[in-house]
C-alpha cells in the first residue's frame, strides 16, 4: 500500500468515499468561515488532470452562487513560479552534454547514446531531488554500492558505477555556472516555503521526496498544512494498490494477490478488465484502435492509452 505517513507538523486525514468529493467536503468543513473567498488557500494535486473535477466538487460543497476557488496546482508547478538567480540549464542541453561525454569515452559502441543520456538524466534528477550527493572518490562510491547490494562488486556493477560516477562529475564540470532543473526545484521549494501565507491542502500526494516533505514541514510551522488520503476501502482501489505496491516494503506479488482474494473472493475487476493476446505490435495497435472507436461510439469520453514506453 502507499505510504500515508505525514511529514512532521503536517495534519494527516483519511477520507472515506469518492476521494475528490470527500476532500472538497473536508475543506468546506475547515474553511467555511473564509467563504466566499478561498483564493488565498492552495490545493496540491498529484497532477492537474482532476483539477476541473475538484473545482466542481468544491463549488458544489460550498453551495454558494459565487465562490473564489483556491489555487489548485501541483507542487512542482507551484514552485516553478518562484524566481531564482542561477540560470537553469535546459534538459536538451544537459542531454547533449551527456551525449558528448559518452561519445568521448567511447565505451558503448553501437548503443543508442541519446537513449542512455535520457535515462542517466532521469537518474541524476532522482539523486538530486532525494538530496543524495555522490562522493568525490570512485572507491568510496563503489563501497557505498557494495554495502547497498550487500556483496562485492562484480564486473557489471563496477562498469555501471564507473559510468554513473564519471558522467555525474562530467555534468557538474560542464554546467559549472548553471544549475539543473532538479537543483532549481529544490531551491524554489526552499524559497516558496517562506512565501506561503495561507493553509495548504495536499490531496493524494504519496511517496514525496525528502525535500518535498521538508517543504510541507516548513510551511506547517506557520500555517496549517493538511495532507488528505483516501481510505482505500474500495475493493478495486485496494486491488490496484496491492498490484503496484513497492516491492521493497511489501510482500511479494503472489502473497499480495492471495491476501486480496481472501478479503474479496469475487474480483472487483470482473467485467471491467479484458486481456487481448496480440501476436505483434501491429495487431495490438489495431485492437486498440477498434476498442477506442467502440468506446467513443458508446459515448465514453475519459479514455486513456498506456504503453510500456513512449517509443512504442
Protein backbone atom coordinates (compact mmCIF):
# COMPACT_ATOMS: atom_id res chain seq x y z
CA UNK A 1 0.00 0.00 0.00
CA UNK A 2 1.04 3.62 -0.35
CA UNK A 3 2.92 5.36 2.41
CA UNK A 4 0.40 7.58 4.26
CA UNK A 5 2.72 8.92 6.96
CA UNK A 6 2.68 12.71 7.07
CA UNK A 7 5.77 14.92 7.48
CA UNK A 8 6.42 16.47 10.88
CA UNK A 9 3.87 19.14 11.80
CA UNK A 10 1.51 18.24 8.97
CA UNK A 11 -2.09 17.26 9.76
CA UNK A 12 -2.96 13.90 8.21
CA UNK A 13 -6.54 12.88 7.49
CA UNK A 14 -8.01 9.78 5.86
CA UNK A 15 -11.16 10.18 3.78
CA UNK A 16 -13.95 7.75 3.04
CA UNK A 17 -15.92 7.74 -0.17
CA UNK A 18 -15.07 9.28 -3.53
CA UNK A 19 -11.68 10.99 -2.99
CA UNK A 20 -12.37 14.35 -4.67
CA UNK A 21 -15.85 14.81 -3.23
CA UNK A 22 -14.64 13.77 0.23
CA UNK A 23 -11.68 16.16 0.03
CA UNK A 24 -13.99 19.02 -1.03
CA UNK A 25 -16.31 18.30 1.90
CA UNK A 26 -13.33 18.23 4.29
CA UNK A 27 -12.03 21.57 3.02
CA UNK A 28 -15.54 23.03 3.29
CA UNK A 29 -15.81 21.94 6.92
CA UNK A 30 -12.47 23.53 7.87
CA UNK A 31 -12.68 26.68 5.76
CA UNK A 32 -16.38 27.56 5.95
CA UNK A 33 -15.63 30.83 7.75
CA UNK A 34 -13.45 32.01 4.85
CA UNK A 35 -16.28 31.84 2.30
CA UNK A 36 -16.83 33.21 -0.25
CA UNK A 37 -13.10 33.89 -0.75
CA UNK A 38 -10.95 30.75 -0.76
CA UNK A 39 -8.38 32.26 -3.12
CA UNK A 40 -5.55 32.52 -0.52
CA UNK A 41 -5.73 28.72 0.04
CA UNK A 42 -3.61 26.36 -2.04
CA UNK A 43 -4.67 22.83 -3.00
CA UNK A 44 -1.95 20.49 -4.26
CA UNK A 45 -2.86 17.55 -6.51
CA UNK A 46 -0.62 14.80 -7.94
CA UNK A 47 -1.46 16.03 -11.47
CA UNK A 48 -3.71 18.68 -12.96
CA UNK A 49 -6.00 16.15 -14.65
CA UNK A 50 -8.58 16.10 -11.80
CA UNK A 51 -8.36 19.88 -11.21
CA UNK A 52 -11.58 20.73 -13.09
CA UNK A 53 -13.48 17.91 -11.39
CA UNK A 54 -12.22 19.01 -7.98
CA UNK A 55 -13.16 22.62 -8.70
CA UNK A 56 -16.70 21.46 -9.47
CA UNK A 57 -16.76 19.42 -6.24
CA UNK A 58 -15.67 22.48 -4.26
CA UNK A 59 -18.37 24.62 -5.85
CA UNK A 60 -20.98 22.01 -5.01
CA UNK A 61 -19.72 21.70 -1.40
CA UNK A 62 -19.71 25.49 -0.91
CA UNK A 63 -23.29 25.76 -2.19
CA UNK A 64 -22.90 29.48 -2.86
CA UNK A 65 -23.80 31.42 -6.03
CA UNK A 66 -20.27 32.87 -6.13
CA UNK A 67 -17.07 31.39 -4.70
CA UNK A 68 -13.47 32.39 -5.30
CA UNK A 69 -11.81 28.99 -5.52
CA UNK A 70 -8.38 28.13 -4.08
CA UNK A 71 -5.25 27.94 -6.16
CA UNK A 72 -5.34 24.35 -7.48
CA UNK A 73 -1.99 23.16 -8.78
CA UNK A 74 0.82 20.62 -8.40
CA UNK A 75 3.76 21.12 -6.09
CA UNK A 76 6.20 21.28 -8.99
CA UNK A 77 4.10 23.78 -10.97
CA UNK A 78 3.71 25.97 -7.89
CA UNK A 79 7.44 26.01 -7.22
CA UNK A 80 8.31 26.76 -10.84
CA UNK A 81 6.77 30.24 -10.49
CA UNK A 82 9.35 31.21 -7.86
CA UNK A 83 12.18 33.23 -9.48
CA UNK A 84 15.78 32.27 -8.74
CA UNK A 85 19.06 33.86 -9.77
CA UNK A 86 21.09 30.99 -11.29
CA UNK A 87 20.45 30.16 -14.91
CA UNK A 88 18.66 26.83 -15.32
CA UNK A 89 20.28 24.50 -17.84
CA UNK A 90 17.65 23.06 -20.18
CA UNK A 91 17.31 19.28 -20.30
CA UNK A 92 18.12 19.32 -24.01
CA UNK A 93 21.46 20.97 -23.22
CA UNK A 94 22.14 18.53 -20.39
CA UNK A 95 21.36 15.61 -22.66
CA UNK A 96 23.76 16.99 -25.29
CA UNK A 97 26.49 17.30 -22.64
CA UNK A 98 26.00 13.68 -21.61
CA UNK A 99 25.93 12.54 -25.22
CA UNK A 100 29.28 14.21 -25.88
CA UNK A 101 30.72 12.72 -22.69
CA UNK A 102 29.56 9.25 -23.72
CA UNK A 103 30.99 9.76 -27.18
CA UNK A 104 34.34 10.92 -25.75
CA UNK A 105 34.88 7.87 -23.55
CA UNK A 106 33.67 5.57 -26.34
CA UNK A 107 32.55 2.77 -24.03
CA UNK A 108 29.24 1.95 -25.62
CA UNK A 109 29.87 1.12 -29.25
CA UNK A 110 26.63 0.57 -31.15
CA UNK A 111 24.43 1.67 -28.27
CA UNK A 112 21.82 4.42 -28.51
CA UNK A 113 23.70 7.19 -26.72
CA UNK A 114 20.72 9.54 -26.78
CA UNK A 115 18.54 6.98 -25.01
CA UNK A 116 21.28 6.30 -22.44
CA UNK A 117 21.69 10.05 -21.90
CA UNK A 118 17.98 10.46 -21.25
CA UNK A 119 17.98 7.57 -18.74
CA UNK A 120 21.03 8.97 -16.96
CA UNK A 121 19.37 12.39 -16.71
CA UNK A 122 16.38 10.76 -15.01
CA UNK A 123 18.72 9.01 -12.56
CA UNK A 124 20.69 12.19 -11.82
CA UNK A 125 17.48 14.14 -11.22
CA UNK A 126 16.25 11.48 -8.79
CA UNK A 127 19.56 11.64 -6.91
CA UNK A 128 19.36 15.43 -6.72
CA UNK A 129 15.71 15.53 -5.66
CA UNK A 130 16.44 12.92 -2.98
CA UNK A 131 19.39 15.08 -1.88
CA UNK A 132 21.91 12.31 -2.48
CA UNK A 133 25.40 13.52 -3.39
CA UNK A 134 27.97 11.21 -4.94
CA UNK A 135 31.32 11.06 -3.14
CA UNK A 136 34.29 12.57 -4.99
CA UNK A 137 36.20 9.30 -4.70
CA UNK A 138 35.12 6.49 -7.01
CA UNK A 139 36.29 3.89 -4.48
CA UNK A 140 34.03 5.43 -1.84
CA UNK A 141 31.11 5.39 -4.27
CA UNK A 142 31.75 1.75 -5.16
CA UNK A 143 31.90 0.86 -1.48
CA UNK A 144 28.52 2.52 -0.95
CA UNK A 145 27.03 0.40 -3.74
CA UNK A 146 28.58 -2.78 -2.37
CA UNK A 147 27.08 -2.01 1.03
CA UNK A 148 23.67 -1.29 -0.52
CA UNK A 149 23.75 -4.52 -2.55
CA UNK A 150 25.24 -6.49 0.38
CA UNK A 151 28.04 -8.03 -1.55
CA UNK A 152 31.22 -7.47 -3.52
CA UNK A 153 31.03 -5.73 -6.86
CA UNK A 154 31.13 -7.84 -9.98
CA UNK A 155 32.07 -6.63 -13.43
CA UNK A 156 28.56 -5.32 -14.33
CA UNK A 157 28.22 -3.32 -11.11
CA UNK A 158 31.75 -1.96 -11.43
CA UNK A 159 31.08 -0.87 -15.02
CA UNK A 160 27.78 0.83 -14.16
CA UNK A 161 29.30 2.53 -11.12
CA UNK A 162 32.19 3.83 -13.21
CA UNK A 163 29.81 5.12 -15.88
CA UNK A 164 27.49 6.89 -13.41
CA UNK A 165 30.31 8.38 -11.32
CA UNK A 166 32.29 9.63 -14.29
CA UNK A 167 29.32 11.13 -16.11
CA UNK A 168 27.88 12.72 -12.95
CA UNK A 169 31.04 14.78 -12.48
CA UNK A 170 31.30 15.43 -16.21
CA UNK A 171 27.85 17.05 -15.93
CA UNK A 172 28.95 19.07 -12.91
CA UNK A 173 32.01 20.40 -14.76
CA UNK A 174 30.09 21.05 -17.99
CA UNK A 175 27.46 23.16 -16.24
CA UNK A 176 29.58 24.89 -13.62
CA UNK A 177 27.84 28.27 -13.95
CA UNK A 178 24.32 26.87 -14.21
CA UNK A 179 22.06 24.54 -12.27
CA UNK A 180 19.94 21.66 -13.48
CA UNK A 181 16.13 21.66 -13.20
CA UNK A 182 16.15 19.28 -10.22
CA UNK A 183 18.51 21.52 -8.24
CA UNK A 184 16.45 24.56 -9.26
CA UNK A 185 13.33 22.80 -7.95
CA UNK A 186 14.96 22.31 -4.54
CA UNK A 187 15.96 25.98 -4.41
CA UNK A 188 12.47 27.10 -5.46
CA UNK A 189 10.83 24.89 -2.81
CA UNK A 190 13.05 26.41 -0.13
CA UNK A 191 12.11 29.95 -1.16
CA UNK A 192 8.44 29.15 -1.65
CA UNK A 193 8.20 27.83 1.93
CA UNK A 194 8.94 31.34 3.22
CA UNK A 195 6.31 32.94 0.96
CA UNK A 196 3.24 30.82 1.77
CA UNK A 197 0.68 32.88 3.70
CA UNK A 198 -2.41 30.64 3.93
CA UNK A 199 -3.43 26.99 4.52
CA UNK A 200 -2.21 24.29 2.15
CA UNK A 201 -4.12 21.09 1.34
CA UNK A 202 -2.15 18.21 -0.21
CA UNK A 203 -4.51 15.64 -1.74
CA UNK A 204 -3.24 12.19 -2.67
CA UNK A 205 0.45 13.09 -2.61
CA UNK A 206 2.27 9.83 -1.91
CA UNK A 207 5.97 8.97 -1.62
CA UNK A 208 7.22 12.55 -1.66
CA UNK A 209 10.95 13.26 -1.92
CA UNK A 210 12.72 14.36 1.28
CA UNK A 211 12.89 17.96 0.05
CA UNK A 212 9.15 17.98 -0.68
CA UNK A 213 8.38 16.64 2.80
CA UNK A 214 10.71 19.27 4.25
CA UNK A 215 8.80 21.96 2.34
CA UNK A 216 5.49 20.86 3.87
CA UNK A 217 7.07 20.73 7.33
CA UNK A 218 8.50 24.24 6.95
CA UNK A 219 5.16 25.67 5.82
CA UNK A 220 3.37 23.86 8.67
CA UNK A 221 5.43 25.83 11.19
CA UNK A 222 3.45 28.97 10.24
CA UNK A 223 0.25 27.85 8.52
CA UNK A 224 -1.95 24.74 8.58
CA UNK A 225 -0.86 22.04 6.13
CA UNK A 226 -3.35 19.20 5.72
CA UNK A 227 -2.47 16.01 3.88
CA UNK A 228 -5.56 14.12 2.70
CA UNK A 229 -5.55 10.49 1.62
CA UNK A 230 -8.24 8.09 0.51
CA UNK A 231 -9.07 5.32 2.96
CA UNK A 232 -8.65 2.87 0.10
CA UNK A 233 -11.72 0.88 1.20
CA UNK A 234 -12.90 0.49 -2.38
CA UNK A 235 -12.12 -3.14 -3.42
CA UNK A 236 -10.91 -2.15 -6.90
CA UNK A 237 -8.70 0.60 -5.43
CA UNK A 238 -7.27 -1.87 -2.89
CA UNK A 239 -6.52 -4.45 -5.60
CA UNK A 240 -4.72 -1.97 -7.84
CA UNK A 241 -2.77 -0.51 -4.91
CA UNK A 242 -1.66 -4.02 -3.93
CA UNK A 243 -0.66 -4.87 -7.51
CA UNK A 244 1.60 -1.82 -7.82
CA UNK A 245 2.86 -1.73 -4.23
CA UNK A 246 6.55 -1.01 -3.70
CA UNK A 247 8.18 -4.50 -3.56
CA UNK A 248 10.88 -3.20 -1.21
CA UNK A 249 8.34 -2.52 1.57
CA UNK A 250 5.64 -5.12 0.87
CA UNK A 251 5.16 -8.85 0.44
CA UNK A 252 5.81 -10.50 -2.93
CA UNK A 253 3.17 -10.23 -5.66
CA UNK A 254 1.74 -13.74 -5.12
CA UNK A 255 1.27 -13.12 -1.39
CA UNK A 256 -0.43 -9.78 -2.07
CA UNK A 257 -2.75 -11.43 -4.61
CA UNK A 258 -3.72 -14.20 -2.17
CA UNK A 259 -4.40 -11.63 0.55
CA UNK A 260 -6.69 -9.68 -1.79
CA UNK A 261 -8.53 -12.86 -2.77
CA UNK A 262 -9.09 -13.66 0.92
CA UNK A 263 -10.63 -10.23 1.56
CA UNK A 264 -12.53 -10.10 -1.75
CA UNK A 265 -13.45 -13.60 -3.03
CA UNK A 266 -15.12 -12.04 -6.08
CA UNK A 267 -12.71 -9.97 -8.15
CA UNK A 268 -13.66 -6.27 -8.18
CA UNK A 269 -12.30 -6.11 -11.73
CA UNK A 270 -14.64 -8.78 -13.07
CA UNK A 271 -16.33 -7.43 -16.16
CA UNK A 272 -14.02 -4.40 -16.15
CA UNK A 273 -10.74 -5.95 -17.28
CA UNK A 274 -10.10 -7.82 -20.50
CA UNK A 275 -6.90 -9.24 -21.98
CA UNK A 276 -6.07 -9.43 -25.67
CA UNK A 277 -3.35 -11.81 -26.90
CA UNK A 278 -1.79 -9.87 -29.78
CA UNK A 279 0.79 -11.57 -31.99
CA UNK A 280 2.65 -8.31 -32.68
CA UNK A 281 2.67 -4.55 -32.30
CA UNK A 282 0.59 -4.03 -35.45
CA UNK A 283 -2.19 -6.33 -34.27
CA UNK A 284 -2.02 -4.72 -30.84
CA UNK A 285 -2.44 -1.25 -32.37
CA UNK A 286 -5.39 -2.42 -34.50
CA UNK A 287 -7.12 -3.88 -31.43
CA UNK A 288 -6.65 -0.63 -29.52
CA UNK A 289 -7.98 1.37 -32.46
CA UNK A 290 -11.13 -0.76 -32.66
CA UNK A 291 -11.76 -0.66 -28.90
CA UNK A 292 -11.29 3.12 -28.67
CA UNK A 293 -13.71 3.62 -31.57
CA UNK A 294 -16.26 1.40 -29.84
CA UNK A 295 -15.94 3.39 -26.62
CA UNK A 296 -16.32 6.69 -28.46
CA UNK A 297 -19.45 5.44 -30.23
CA UNK A 298 -20.79 4.38 -26.83
CA UNK A 299 -20.38 7.96 -25.60
CA UNK A 300 -17.34 7.42 -23.39
CA UNK A 301 -15.07 10.47 -23.06
CA UNK A 302 -12.50 9.63 -20.39
CA UNK A 303 -10.22 7.25 -22.30
CA UNK A 304 -6.52 6.63 -21.75
CA UNK A 305 -4.00 4.51 -23.66
CA UNK A 306 -1.00 3.43 -21.57
CA UNK A 307 2.02 1.82 -23.21
CA UNK A 308 5.23 0.30 -21.91
CA UNK A 309 7.30 3.28 -23.01
CA UNK A 310 6.96 6.30 -25.26
CA UNK A 311 8.89 4.69 -28.10
CA UNK A 312 6.03 2.21 -28.62
